[in-house]
Amino acid sequence: MSRTKKLTLAALGVIIALVIGSTVWILVASDFGLHEERVTLEGPRGELNAVLSTPADGDGPFGLVVFVHGDGPADAGRDDTYKPLWSAYAKAGFATLSWDKPGVNGAPGDWLDQSMHDRTAEVESAISWAYTRPDLDTTRLGIWGIGQAGWVVPRVLAARNDIGFAVLVGPAINWLRQEEFRLRADLAARNVAPTDVDGTLDRHAREVSLLESGADYATYLKARTDPHPMSKERWSFVERNCRSDATASLSRISTPLLLVLGTRDRTVDVDETETVYRQKVRSDLLTVTRFDDATHRITRKDIEYRDDFRVSAREIFAPSTVYAPGYLDALRIFATRNT
């Protein structure tokens, strides 16, 4: 056999091995071990379209973890990025419940028309619904939330005594301080010139003054504080919620709480968050876990802040691999230990 043919066959063998290996990797990474059921809940302002996921193996009743979204439009599975988390809880014997935000995926309503009080009432409705399901064990209830859920979940925990544990991922303390931090982090990441940074921060300060004064949308547009103005609906949403602060609720929590933080978070000042939580939440209830080089969603830092086909492919075909090592295990272990 000629050298050329040998090299060709060798190259073909490598390609076949890579294809087979990639296929096996994708199948393994995408096997979540879940049974998913579409359910409808009666929410405080209309129906909620939800997904109840239960362990594919084993008999119920299962404990339940209620999922609470962060900011922005989100379907029940947040474009399937929640499935690895649902799977982690399934391995601990828990079902999970998450719903489409109002106005998303055909759900009635508009999430931009909500306050944090409205979102808290949604979680209360979901927990009440769980008590109607014989396949759910309501003596083993938990809550998982991210980002904006930091102004929702503490209110729920402060008002109830039937929640066994809670997990908060990258929650902020104060809405307005978080927005300034997010803006500064974005400017730094884009290496914006110092003079442009000063101008941007000055415009932001004027925008905050408008929000604090309750200015209407026309006044906001006239002020020209934003080169890319918010929509009228977004402005109303921010104006309605910009006074949110979690501090008061934290001291009233009596539930074991896992605070998960990524050191590369560009959305939330995790140092402030950890400091305030340690000051306000009882030390015997609070567990703080930081993941080095992890982002707001606790993904590997090269995942969340990159926009190319390789990232998109990984998130679609192998979503479990986008998360920081140890994060999914931490969710499973905390749930097991606290129920």
C-alpha atoms as a PDB file:
ATOM      1  CA  MET A   1       0.000   0.000   0.000  1.00  0.00           C
ATOM      2  CA  SER A   2       1.353   3.398  -0.955  1.00  0.00           C
ATOM      3  CA  ARG A   3       2.274   6.017   1.616  1.00  0.00           C
ATOM      4  CA  THR A   4      -0.499   8.287   0.297  1.00  0.00           C
ATOM      5  CA  LYS A   5      -3.152   5.596   0.809  1.00  0.00           C
ATOM      6  CA  LYS A   6      -1.861   4.894   4.313  1.00  0.00           C
ATOM      7  CA  LEU A   7      -2.059   8.568   5.252  1.00  0.00           C
ATOM      8  CA  THR A   8      -5.549   8.825   3.766  1.00  0.00           C
ATOM      9  CA  LEU A   9      -6.797   5.797   5.723  1.00  0.00           C
ATOM     10  CA  ALA A  10      -5.194   7.093   8.906  1.00  0.00           C
ATOM     11  CA  ALA A  11      -6.848  10.471   8.490  1.00  0.00           C
ATOM     12  CA  LEU A  12     -10.190   8.798   7.788  1.00  0.00           C
ATOM     13  CA  GLY A  13      -9.793   6.681  10.918  1.00  0.00           C
ATOM     14  CA  VAL A  14      -9.142   9.772  13.026  1.00  0.00           C
ATOM     15  CA  ILE A  15     -12.225  11.483  11.611  1.00  0.00           C
ATOM     16  CA  ILE A  16     -14.416   8.436  12.280  1.00  0.00           C
ATOM     17  CA  ALA A  17     -13.074   8.163  15.831  1.00  0.00           C
ATOM     18  CA  LEU A  18     -13.767  11.851  16.440  1.00  0.00           C
ATOM     19  CA  VAL A  19     -17.314  11.558  15.073  1.00  0.00           C
ATOM     20  CA  ILE A  20     -18.058   8.482  17.176  1.00  0.00           C
ATOM     21  CA  GLY A  21     -16.502  10.051  20.251  1.00  0.00           C
ATOM     22  CA  SER A  22     -18.419  13.298  19.776  1.00  0.00           C
ATOM     23  CA  THR A  23     -21.679  11.399  19.257  1.00  0.00           C
ATOM     24  CA  VAL A  24     -21.192   9.378  22.436  1.00  0.00           C
ATOM     25  CA  TRP A  25     -20.241  12.550  24.355  1.00  0.00           C
ATOM     26  CA  ILE A  26     -23.376  14.351  23.154  1.00  0.00           C
ATOM     27  CA  LEU A  27     -25.659  11.407  23.950  1.00  0.00           C
ATOM     28  CA  VAL A  28     -24.208  11.019  27.436  1.00  0.00           C
ATOM     29  CA  ALA A  29     -24.280  14.754  28.130  1.00  0.00           C
ATOM     30  CA  SER A  30     -27.872  15.055  26.917  1.00  0.00           C
ATOM     31  CA  ASP A  31     -29.275  12.075  28.840  1.00  0.00           C
ATOM     32  CA  PHE A  32     -30.934  13.928  31.713  1.00  0.00           C
ATOM     33  CA  GLY A  33     -33.002  11.078  33.161  1.00  0.00           C
ATOM     34  CA  LEU A  34     -36.166  13.171  33.359  1.00  0.00           C
ATOM     35  CA  HIS A  35     -39.849  12.835  32.635  1.00  0.00           C
ATOM     36  CA  GLU A  36     -41.358  16.206  31.701  1.00  0.00           C
ATOM     37  CA  GLU A  37     -45.018  17.107  31.998  1.00  0.00           C
ATOM     38  CA  ARG A  38     -46.687  20.324  30.858  1.00  0.00           C
ATOM     39  CA  VAL A  39     -48.989  21.619  33.598  1.00  0.00           C
ATOM     40  CA  THR A  40     -51.116  24.721  34.120  1.00  0.00           C
ATOM     41  CA  LEU A  41     -51.147  26.560  37.448  1.00  0.00           C
ATOM     42  CA  GLU A  42     -53.542  29.205  38.639  1.00  0.00           C
ATOM     43  CA  GLY A  43     -51.321  32.205  39.269  1.00  0.00           C
ATOM     44  CA  PRO A  44     -52.136  35.477  41.031  1.00  0.00           C
ATOM     45  CA  ARG A  45     -52.812  37.255  37.724  1.00  0.00           C
ATOM     46  CA  GLY A  46     -53.885  34.424  35.437  1.00  0.00           C
ATOM     47  CA  GLU A  47     -52.672  31.015  34.362  1.00  0.00           C
ATOM     48  CA  LEU A  48     -49.026  29.992  34.488  1.00  0.00           C
ATOM     49  CA  ASN A  49     -47.766  27.557  31.848  1.00  0.00           C
ATOM     50  CA  ALA A  50     -45.286  25.323  33.613  1.00  0.00           C
ATOM     51  CA  VAL A  51     -43.100  22.238  33.225  1.00  0.00           C
ATOM     52  CA  LEU A  52     -42.974  19.653  35.999  1.00  0.00           C
ATOM     53  CA  SER A  53     -39.951  17.397  35.614  1.00  0.00           C
ATOM     54  CA  THR A  54     -39.693  14.212  37.655  1.00  0.00           C
ATOM     55  CA  PRO A  55     -37.004  11.524  37.894  1.00  0.00           C
ATOM     56  CA  ALA A  56     -37.430   9.019  35.070  1.00  0.00           C
ATOM     57  CA  ASP A  57     -36.484   6.205  37.457  1.00  0.00           C
ATOM     58  CA  GLY A  58     -38.020   5.574  40.848  1.00  0.00           C
ATOM     59  CA  ASP A  59     -41.457   5.967  42.318  1.00  0.00           C
ATOM     60  CA  GLY A  60     -42.894   9.107  43.871  1.00  0.00           C
ATOM     61  CA  PRO A  61     -43.906  11.010  45.725  1.00  0.00           C
ATOM     62  CA  PHE A  62     -40.900  13.174  44.969  1.00  0.00           C
ATOM     63  CA  GLY A  63     -39.668  16.232  46.763  1.00  0.00           C
ATOM     64  CA  LEU A  64     -40.039  19.447  44.765  1.00  0.00           C
ATOM     65  CA  VAL A  65     -37.693  22.305  43.877  1.00  0.00           C
ATOM     66  CA  VAL A  66     -39.434  25.424  42.560  1.00  0.00           C
ATOM     67  CA  PHE A  67     -37.383  27.392  40.033  1.00  0.00           C
ATOM     68  CA  VAL A  68     -37.427  31.207  39.974  1.00  0.00           C
ATOM     69  CA  HIS A  69     -36.044  32.986  36.893  1.00  0.00           C
ATOM     70  CA  GLY A  70     -33.731  35.955  36.739  1.00  0.00           C
ATOM     71  CA  ASP A  71     -34.306  39.000  34.536  1.00  0.00           C
ATOM     72  CA  GLY A  72     -35.510  38.957  30.943  1.00  0.00           C
ATOM     73  CA  PRO A  73     -37.928  36.849  28.930  1.00  0.00           C
ATOM     74  CA  ALA A  74     -37.633  33.169  29.822  1.00  0.00           C
ATOM     75  CA  ASP A  75     -39.464  30.005  28.976  1.00  0.00           C
ATOM     76  CA  ALA A  76     -39.816  27.291  31.608  1.00  0.00           C
ATOM     77  CA  GLY A  77     -36.480  25.648  30.792  1.00  0.00           C
ATOM     78  CA  ARG A  78     -34.599  28.842  29.940  1.00  0.00           C
ATOM     79  CA  ASP A  79     -33.879  27.455  26.469  1.00  0.00           C
ATOM     80  CA  ASP A  80     -33.033  24.058  28.000  1.00  0.00           C
ATOM     81  CA  THR A  81     -30.158  25.448  30.071  1.00  0.00           C
ATOM     82  CA  TYR A  82     -32.028  24.401  33.240  1.00  0.00           C
ATOM     83  CA  LYS A  83     -32.157  20.732  32.261  1.00  0.00           C
ATOM     84  CA  PRO A  84     -28.757  19.840  33.738  1.00  0.00           C
ATOM     85  CA  LEU A  85     -29.941  21.460  36.999  1.00  0.00           C
ATOM     86  CA  TRP A  86     -33.232  19.579  36.890  1.00  0.00           C
ATOM     87  CA  SER A  87     -31.250  16.389  36.319  1.00  0.00           C
ATOM     88  CA  ALA A  88     -29.018  17.102  39.331  1.00  0.00           C
ATOM     89  CA  TYR A  89     -32.101  17.425  41.530  1.00  0.00           C
ATOM     90  CA  ALA A  90     -33.647  14.302  39.983  1.00  0.00           C
ATOM     91  CA  LYS A  91     -30.606  12.333  41.099  1.00  0.00           C
ATOM     92  CA  ALA A  92     -31.424  13.437  44.644  1.00  0.00           C
ATOM     93  CA  GLY A  93     -35.046  12.301  44.273  1.00  0.00           C
ATOM     94  CA  PHE A  94     -36.577  15.711  43.524  1.00  0.00           C
ATOM     95  CA  ALA A  95     -39.004  16.931  40.924  1.00  0.00           C
ATOM     96  CA  THR A  96     -38.628  20.494  39.659  1.00  0.00           C
ATOM     97  CA  LEU A  97     -41.247  23.049  38.666  1.00  0.00           C
ATOM     98  CA  SER A  98     -40.613  26.032  36.416  1.00  0.00           C
ATOM     99  CA  TRP A  99     -42.929  28.176  34.310  1.00  0.00           C
ATOM    100  CA  ASP A 100     -42.878  30.380  31.250  1.00  0.00           C
ATOM    101  CA  LYS A 101     -42.760  34.024  32.200  1.00  0.00           C
ATOM    102  CA  PRO A 102     -45.983  35.878  31.298  1.00  0.00           C
ATOM    103  CA  GLY A 103     -45.972  36.677  27.596  1.00  0.00           C
ATOM    104  CA  VAL A 104     -43.263  34.121  26.776  1.00  0.00           C
ATOM    105  CA  ASN A 105     -43.850  30.987  24.712  1.00  0.00           C
ATOM    106  CA  GLY A 106     -47.537  31.833  24.310  1.00  0.00           C
ATOM    107  CA  ALA A 107     -48.173  32.348  28.040  1.00  0.00           C
ATOM    108  CA  PRO A 108     -50.790  34.994  28.899  1.00  0.00           C
ATOM    109  CA  GLY A 109     -49.714  38.366  30.277  1.00  0.00           C
ATOM    110  CA  ASP A 110     -46.482  40.361  30.072  1.00  0.00           C
ATOM    111  CA  TRP A 111     -43.493  39.851  32.356  1.00  0.00           C
ATOM    112  CA  LEU A 112     -42.603  43.540  31.972  1.00  0.00           C
ATOM    113  CA  ASP A 113     -45.880  44.370  33.706  1.00  0.00           C
ATOM    114  CA  GLN A 114     -44.749  42.610  36.898  1.00  0.00           C
ATOM    115  CA  SER A 115     -43.385  43.865  40.187  1.00  0.00           C
ATOM    116  CA  MET A 116     -41.202  41.807  42.518  1.00  0.00           C
ATOM    117  CA  HIS A 117     -44.316  41.473  44.689  1.00  0.00           C
ATOM    118  CA  ASP A 118     -46.134  39.918  41.712  1.00  0.00           C
ATOM    119  CA  ARG A 119     -43.285  37.488  41.174  1.00  0.00           C
ATOM    120  CA  THR A 120     -43.310  36.553  44.853  1.00  0.00           C
ATOM    121  CA  ALA A 121     -47.038  35.827  44.602  1.00  0.00           C
ATOM    122  CA  GLU A 122     -46.334  33.538  41.633  1.00  0.00           C
ATOM    123  CA  VAL A 123     -43.974  31.438  43.735  1.00  0.00           C
ATOM    124  CA  GLU A 124     -46.555  31.257  46.527  1.00  0.00           C
ATOM    125  CA  SER A 125     -49.143  30.044  43.983  1.00  0.00           C
ATOM    126  CA  ALA A 126     -46.753  27.380  42.691  1.00  0.00           C
ATOM    127  CA  ILE A 127     -46.148  26.071  46.211  1.00  0.00           C
ATOM    128  CA  SER A 128     -49.890  25.975  46.887  1.00  0.00           C
ATOM    129  CA  TRP A 129     -50.357  24.008  43.663  1.00  0.00           C
ATOM    130  CA  ALA A 130     -47.762  21.465  44.807  1.00  0.00           C
ATOM    131  CA  TYR A 131     -49.983  20.581  47.772  1.00  0.00           C
ATOM    132  CA  THR A 132     -52.676  19.408  45.320  1.00  0.00           C
ATOM    133  CA  ARG A 133     -50.408  16.823  43.705  1.00  0.00           C
ATOM    134  CA  PRO A 134     -50.242  13.386  45.352  1.00  0.00           C
ATOM    135  CA  ASP A 135     -47.063  12.599  43.397  1.00  0.00           C
ATOM    136  CA  LEU A 136     -45.201  15.407  45.199  1.00  0.00           C
ATOM    137  CA  ASP A 137     -43.872  15.204  48.747  1.00  0.00           C
ATOM    138  CA  THR A 138     -44.499  18.653  50.233  1.00  0.00           C
ATOM    139  CA  THR A 139     -42.491  17.796  53.329  1.00  0.00           C
ATOM    140  CA  ARG A 140     -39.463  18.136  51.033  1.00  0.00           C
ATOM    141  CA  LEU A 141     -39.775  21.528  49.377  1.00  0.00           C
ATOM    142  CA  GLY A 142     -36.941  23.656  48.039  1.00  0.00           C
ATOM    143  CA  ILE A 143     -36.458  26.776  45.936  1.00  0.00           C
ATOM    144  CA  TRP A 144     -33.751  27.564  43.384  1.00  0.00           C
ATOM    145  CA  GLY A 145     -33.411  31.094  42.004  1.00  0.00           C
ATOM    146  CA  ILE A 146     -30.957  33.213  40.060  1.00  0.00           C
ATOM    147  CA  GLY A 147     -30.244  36.921  39.722  1.00  0.00           C
ATOM    148  CA  GLN A 148     -33.455  38.871  40.057  1.00  0.00           C
ATOM    149  CA  ALA A 149     -34.846  36.016  42.152  1.00  0.00           C
ATOM    150  CA  GLY A 150     -32.740  37.559  44.918  1.00  0.00           C
ATOM    151  CA  TRP A 151     -35.572  40.073  45.414  1.00  0.00           C
ATOM    152  CA  VAL A 152     -38.215  37.332  45.321  1.00  0.00           C
ATOM    153  CA  VAL A 153     -36.995  34.219  47.136  1.00  0.00           C
ATOM    154  CA  PRO A 154     -35.988  35.939  50.424  1.00  0.00           C
ATOM    155  CA  ARG A 155     -39.530  37.340  50.697  1.00  0.00           C
ATOM    156  CA  VAL A 156     -40.966  33.850  50.251  1.00  0.00           C
ATOM    157  CA  LEU A 157     -38.583  32.356  52.811  1.00  0.00           C
ATOM    158  CA  ALA A 158     -39.311  35.121  55.321  1.00  0.00           C
ATOM    159  CA  ALA A 159     -43.042  34.429  55.083  1.00  0.00           C
ATOM    160  CA  ARG A 160     -43.096  30.601  55.171  1.00  0.00           C
ATOM    161  CA  ASN A 161     -41.953  27.756  57.420  1.00  0.00           C
ATOM    162  CA  ASP A 162     -42.489  24.833  55.032  1.00  0.00           C
ATOM    163  CA  ILE A 163     -39.443  25.340  52.787  1.00  0.00           C
ATOM    164  CA  GLY A 164     -36.647  22.881  53.547  1.00  0.00           C
ATOM    165  CA  PHE A 165     -33.863  24.656  51.688  1.00  0.00           C
ATOM    166  CA  ALA A 166     -33.154  27.371  49.149  1.00  0.00           C
ATOM    167  CA  VAL A 167     -30.416  28.090  46.620  1.00  0.00           C
ATOM    168  CA  LEU A 168     -29.693  31.571  45.294  1.00  0.00           C
ATOM    169  CA  VAL A 169     -27.284  32.012  42.409  1.00  0.00           C
ATOM    170  CA  GLY A 170     -25.752  35.450  41.912  1.00  0.00           C
ATOM    171  CA  PRO A 171     -28.436  37.477  43.697  1.00  0.00           C
ATOM    172  CA  ALA A 172     -27.942  41.227  44.018  1.00  0.00           C
ATOM    173  CA  ILE A 173     -28.719  43.250  47.128  1.00  0.00           C
ATOM    174  CA  ASN A 174     -29.872  46.608  45.774  1.00  0.00           C
ATOM    175  CA  TRP A 175     -31.342  47.166  42.292  1.00  0.00           C
ATOM    176  CA  LEU A 176     -29.712  50.522  41.560  1.00  0.00           C
ATOM    177  CA  ARG A 177     -26.283  49.555  42.893  1.00  0.00           C
ATOM    178  CA  GLN A 178     -26.425  46.384  40.831  1.00  0.00           C
ATOM    179  CA  GLU A 179     -27.184  48.339  37.659  1.00  0.00           C
ATOM    180  CA  GLU A 180     -24.195  50.609  38.230  1.00  0.00           C
ATOM    181  CA  PHE A 181     -21.940  47.621  38.886  1.00  0.00           C
ATOM    182  CA  ARG A 182     -23.187  45.884  35.731  1.00  0.00           C
ATOM    183  CA  LEU A 183     -22.573  49.004  33.677  1.00  0.00           C
ATOM    184  CA  ARG A 184     -19.042  49.509  35.035  1.00  0.00           C
ATOM    185  CA  ALA A 185     -18.186  45.830  34.470  1.00  0.00           C
ATOM    186  CA  ASP A 186     -19.412  46.007  30.897  1.00  0.00           C
ATOM    187  CA  LEU A 187     -17.408  49.151  30.180  1.00  0.00           C
ATOM    188  CA  ALA A 188     -14.284  47.534  31.637  1.00  0.00           C
ATOM    189  CA  ALA A 189     -14.779  44.338  29.639  1.00  0.00           C
ATOM    190  CA  ARG A 190     -15.025  46.383  26.431  1.00  0.00           C
ATOM    191  CA  ASN A 191     -11.959  48.471  27.309  1.00  0.00           C
ATOM    192  CA  VAL A 192     -13.885  51.697  26.867  1.00  0.00           C
ATOM    193  CA  ALA A 193     -11.734  54.841  26.996  1.00  0.00           C
ATOM    194  CA  PRO A 194     -11.762  56.653  30.380  1.00  0.00           C
ATOM    195  CA  THR A 195     -13.344  59.803  28.938  1.00  0.00           C
ATOM    196  CA  ASP A 196     -16.189  57.753  27.463  1.00  0.00           C
ATOM    197  CA  VAL A 197     -16.588  55.900  30.759  1.00  0.00           C
ATOM    198  CA  ASP A 198     -17.053  59.193  32.604  1.00  0.00           C
ATOM    199  CA  GLY A 199     -19.668  60.353  30.111  1.00  0.00           C
ATOM    200  CA  THR A 200     -21.557  57.052  30.308  1.00  0.00           C
ATOM    201  CA  LEU A 201     -21.576  57.067  34.103  1.00  0.00           C
ATOM    202  CA  ASP A 202     -22.770  60.677  34.145  1.00  0.00           C
ATOM    203  CA  ARG A 203     -25.687  59.807  31.865  1.00  0.00           C
ATOM    204  CA  HIS A 204     -26.470  56.801  34.047  1.00  0.00           C
ATOM    205  CA  ALA A 205     -26.537  58.981  37.182  1.00  0.00           C
ATOM    206  CA  ARG A 206     -29.030  61.311  35.516  1.00  0.00           C
ATOM    207  CA  GLU A 207     -31.142  58.296  34.534  1.00  0.00           C
ATOM    208  CA  VAL A 208     -31.163  57.078  38.133  1.00  0.00           C
ATOM    209  CA  SER A 209     -32.350  60.518  39.267  1.00  0.00           C
ATOM    210  CA  LEU A 210     -35.242  60.253  36.818  1.00  0.00           C
ATOM    211  CA  LEU A 211     -36.150  56.790  38.112  1.00  0.00           C
ATOM    212  CA  GLU A 212     -36.037  57.887  41.746  1.00  0.00           C
ATOM    213  CA  SER A 213     -38.296  60.850  40.953  1.00  0.00           C
ATOM    214  CA  GLY A 214     -40.854  58.617  39.217  1.00  0.00           C
ATOM    215  CA  ALA A 215     -40.406  60.309  35.828  1.00  0.00           C
ATOM    216  CA  ASP A 216     -42.659  59.139  33.010  1.00  0.00           C
ATOM    217  CA  TYR A 217     -41.389  57.716  29.726  1.00  0.00           C
ATOM    218  CA  ALA A 218     -41.685  60.985  27.800  1.00  0.00           C
ATOM    219  CA  THR A 219     -39.467  62.726  30.379  1.00  0.00           C
ATOM    220  CA  TYR A 220     -36.922  59.930  30.128  1.00  0.00           C
ATOM    221  CA  LEU A 221     -36.744  60.210  26.340  1.00  0.00           C
ATOM    222  CA  LYS A 222     -36.462  63.982  26.499  1.00  0.00           C
ATOM    223  CA  ALA A 223     -33.513  63.735  28.915  1.00  0.00           C
ATOM    224  CA  ARG A 224     -31.480  61.730  26.358  1.00  0.00           C
ATOM    225  CA  THR A 225     -29.644  59.781  29.046  1.00  0.00           C
ATOM    226  CA  ASP A 226     -29.361  56.635  26.934  1.00  0.00           C
ATOM    227  CA  PRO A 227     -28.081  56.480  23.330  1.00  0.00           C
ATOM    228  CA  HIS A 228     -30.176  53.314  22.965  1.00  0.00           C
ATOM    229  CA  PRO A 229     -33.359  54.130  24.921  1.00  0.00           C
ATOM    230  CA  MET A 230     -35.355  51.463  26.710  1.00  0.00           C
ATOM    231  CA  SER A 231     -38.788  50.619  25.397  1.00  0.00           C
ATOM    232  CA  LYS A 232     -41.716  52.215  27.184  1.00  0.00           C
ATOM    233  CA  GLU A 233     -42.574  48.830  28.727  1.00  0.00           C
ATOM    234  CA  ARG A 234     -39.024  48.284  29.993  1.00  0.00           C
ATOM    235  CA  TRP A 235     -38.878  51.784  31.459  1.00  0.00           C
ATOM    236  CA  SER A 236     -42.106  51.137  33.358  1.00  0.00           C
ATOM    237  CA  PHE A 237     -40.750  47.811  34.590  1.00  0.00           C
ATOM    238  CA  VAL A 238     -37.523  49.373  35.856  1.00  0.00           C
ATOM    239  CA  GLU A 239     -39.295  52.364  37.414  1.00  0.00           C
ATOM    240  CA  ARG A 240     -41.659  49.980  39.199  1.00  0.00           C
ATOM    241  CA  ASN A 241     -38.877  47.794  40.618  1.00  0.00           C
ATOM    242  CA  CYS A 242     -35.794  49.991  40.959  1.00  0.00           C
ATOM    243  CA  ARG A 243     -36.292  50.485  44.704  1.00  0.00           C
ATOM    244  CA  SER A 244     -35.908  46.740  45.341  1.00  0.00           C
ATOM    245  CA  ASP A 245     -33.503  45.852  48.140  1.00  0.00           C
ATOM    246  CA  ALA A 246     -33.147  42.405  49.712  1.00  0.00           C
ATOM    247  CA  THR A 247     -31.544  43.478  52.996  1.00  0.00           C
ATOM    248  CA  ALA A 248     -34.651  43.608  55.183  1.00  0.00           C
ATOM    249  CA  SER A 249     -35.872  40.145  54.172  1.00  0.00           C
ATOM    250  CA  LEU A 250     -32.553  38.399  54.744  1.00  0.00           C
ATOM    251  CA  SER A 251     -32.585  38.735  58.518  1.00  0.00           C
ATOM    252  CA  ARG A 252     -36.008  37.038  58.663  1.00  0.00           C
ATOM    253  CA  ILE A 253     -34.921  33.872  56.856  1.00  0.00           C
ATOM    254  CA  SER A 254     -35.079  30.670  58.913  1.00  0.00           C
ATOM    255  CA  THR A 255     -34.316  28.240  56.077  1.00  0.00           C
ATOM    256  CA  PRO A 256     -30.988  26.618  55.151  1.00  0.00           C
ATOM    257  CA  LEU A 257     -29.665  28.695  52.264  1.00  0.00           C
ATOM    258  CA  LEU A 258     -26.929  27.962  49.742  1.00  0.00           C
ATOM    259  CA  LEU A 259     -25.479  31.134  48.219  1.00  0.00           C
ATOM    260  CA  VAL A 260     -23.692  30.349  44.953  1.00  0.00           C
ATOM    261  CA  LEU A 261     -21.368  32.972  43.471  1.00  0.00           C
ATOM    262  CA  GLY A 262     -19.128  33.132  40.412  1.00  0.00           C
ATOM    263  CA  THR A 263     -15.967  35.183  40.758  1.00  0.00           C
ATOM    264  CA  ARG A 264     -16.230  36.323  37.108  1.00  0.00           C
ATOM    265  CA  ASP A 265     -19.792  37.634  37.475  1.00  0.00           C
ATOM    266  CA  ARG A 266     -20.185  40.824  35.436  1.00  0.00           C
ATOM    267  CA  THR A 267     -23.827  41.304  36.433  1.00  0.00           C
ATOM    268  CA  VAL A 268     -23.722  41.299  40.238  1.00  0.00           C
ATOM    269  CA  ASP A 269     -21.151  42.534  42.745  1.00  0.00           C
ATOM    270  CA  VAL A 270     -20.640  39.168  44.427  1.00  0.00           C
ATOM    271  CA  ASP A 271     -18.369  40.658  47.096  1.00  0.00           C
ATOM    272  CA  GLU A 272     -21.151  42.963  48.276  1.00  0.00           C
ATOM    273  CA  THR A 273     -23.662  40.122  48.086  1.00  0.00           C
ATOM    274  CA  GLU A 274     -21.548  37.787  50.214  1.00  0.00           C
ATOM    275  CA  THR A 275     -20.826  40.505  52.784  1.00  0.00           C
ATOM    276  CA  VAL A 276     -24.482  41.426  53.274  1.00  0.00           C
ATOM    277  CA  TYR A 277     -25.689  37.816  53.358  1.00  0.00           C
ATOM    278  CA  ARG A 278     -23.100  36.950  56.006  1.00  0.00           C
ATOM    279  CA  GLN A 279     -24.184  39.968  58.039  1.00  0.00           C
ATOM    280  CA  LYS A 280     -27.935  39.350  57.793  1.00  0.00           C
ATOM    281  CA  VAL A 281     -28.509  35.588  57.456  1.00  0.00           C
ATOM    282  CA  ARG A 282     -27.907  33.387  60.499  1.00  0.00           C
ATOM    283  CA  SER A 283     -24.514  31.756  60.173  1.00  0.00           C
ATOM    284  CA  ASP A 284     -25.882  28.299  61.022  1.00  0.00           C
ATOM    285  CA  LEU A 285     -28.262  28.551  58.046  1.00  0.00           C
ATOM    286  CA  LEU A 286     -25.952  30.039  55.418  1.00  0.00           C
ATOM    287  CA  THR A 287     -23.550  28.149  53.163  1.00  0.00           C
ATOM    288  CA  VAL A 288     -21.528  30.230  50.695  1.00  0.00           C
ATOM    289  CA  THR A 289     -19.924  28.520  47.715  1.00  0.00           C
ATOM    290  CA  ARG A 290     -17.761  30.443  45.266  1.00  0.00           C
ATOM    291  CA  PHE A 291     -16.658  29.085  41.923  1.00  0.00           C
ATOM    292  CA  ASP A 292     -13.428  30.516  40.555  1.00  0.00           C
ATOM    293  CA  ASP A 293     -13.542  31.639  36.930  1.00  0.00           C
ATOM    294  CA  ALA A 294     -17.330  31.114  36.853  1.00  0.00           C
ATOM    295  CA  THR A 295     -19.807  33.655  35.542  1.00  0.00           C
ATOM    296  CA  HIS A 296     -23.202  34.921  36.692  1.00  0.00           C
ATOM    297  CA  ARG A 297     -24.876  31.667  35.612  1.00  0.00           C
ATOM    298  CA  ILE A 298     -21.963  29.643  37.061  1.00  0.00           C
ATOM    299  CA  THR A 299     -20.802  28.694  33.602  1.00  0.00           C
ATOM    300  CA  ARG A 300     -17.162  28.419  32.692  1.00  0.00           C
ATOM    301  CA  LYS A 301     -15.981  31.960  31.963  1.00  0.00           C
ATOM    302  CA  ASP A 302     -15.184  31.181  28.336  1.00  0.00           C
ATOM    303  CA  ILE A 303     -18.796  30.110  27.747  1.00  0.00           C
ATOM    304  CA  GLU A 304     -21.035  32.962  28.863  1.00  0.00           C
ATOM    305  CA  TYR A 305     -18.927  35.805  27.494  1.00  0.00           C
ATOM    306  CA  ARG A 306     -18.236  34.369  24.065  1.00  0.00           C
ATOM    307  CA  ASP A 307     -20.548  34.471  21.070  1.00  0.00           C
ATOM    308  CA  ASP A 308     -19.554  31.923  18.466  1.00  0.00           C
ATOM    309  CA  PHE A 309     -20.878  28.705  16.996  1.00  0.00           C
ATOM    310  CA  ARG A 310     -18.811  26.507  19.311  1.00  0.00           C
ATOM    311  CA  VAL A 311     -20.481  27.956  22.388  1.00  0.00           C
ATOM    312  CA  SER A 312     -23.922  27.687  20.813  1.00  0.00           C
ATOM    313  CA  ALA A 313     -23.264  24.076  19.814  1.00  0.00           C
ATOM    314  CA  ARG A 314     -22.077  23.163  23.295  1.00  0.00           C
ATOM    315  CA  GLU A 315     -25.148  24.763  24.911  1.00  0.00           C
ATOM    316  CA  ILE A 316     -27.471  22.929  22.511  1.00  0.00           C
ATOM    317  CA  PHE A 317     -25.869  19.487  22.370  1.00  0.00           C
ATOM    318  CA  ALA A 318     -24.057  19.184  25.710  1.00  0.00           C
ATOM    319  CA  PRO A 319     -25.492  21.770  28.117  1.00  0.00           C
ATOM    320  CA  SER A 320     -24.200  20.025  31.228  1.00  0.00           C
ATOM    321  CA  THR A 321     -20.643  20.806  30.165  1.00  0.00           C
ATOM    322  CA  VAL A 322     -21.104  24.587  30.187  1.00  0.00           C
ATOM    323  CA  TYR A 323     -21.340  24.733  33.986  1.00  0.00           C
ATOM    324  CA  ALA A 324     -18.414  25.099  36.346  1.00  0.00           C
ATOM    325  CA  PRO A 325     -17.100  21.767  37.665  1.00  0.00           C
ATOM    326  CA  GLY A 326     -18.742  20.886  40.963  1.00  0.00           C
ATOM    327  CA  TYR A 327     -21.765  23.184  40.615  1.00  0.00           C
ATOM    328  CA  LEU A 328     -24.317  20.506  39.727  1.00  0.00           C
ATOM    329  CA  ASP A 329     -22.987  18.226  42.476  1.00  0.00           C
ATOM    330  CA  ALA A 330     -23.278  21.103  44.976  1.00  0.00           C
ATOM    331  CA  LEU A 331     -26.985  21.468  44.159  1.00  0.00           C
ATOM    332  CA  ARG A 332     -27.640  17.762  44.589  1.00  0.00           C
ATOM    333  CA  ILE A 333     -25.697  17.459  47.839  1.00  0.00           C
ATOM    334  CA  PHE A 334     -27.273  20.517  49.457  1.00  0.00           C
ATOM    335  CA  ALA A 335     -30.774  19.316  48.644  1.00  0.00           C
ATOM    336  CA  THR A 336     -30.025  15.857  50.045  1.00  0.00           C
ATOM    337  CA  ARG A 337     -28.540  17.186  53.269  1.00  0.00           C
ATOM    338  CA  ASN A 338     -31.327  19.613  54.054  1.00  0.00           C
ATOM    339  CA  THR A 339     -34.460  17.514  53.607  1.00  0.00           C
END
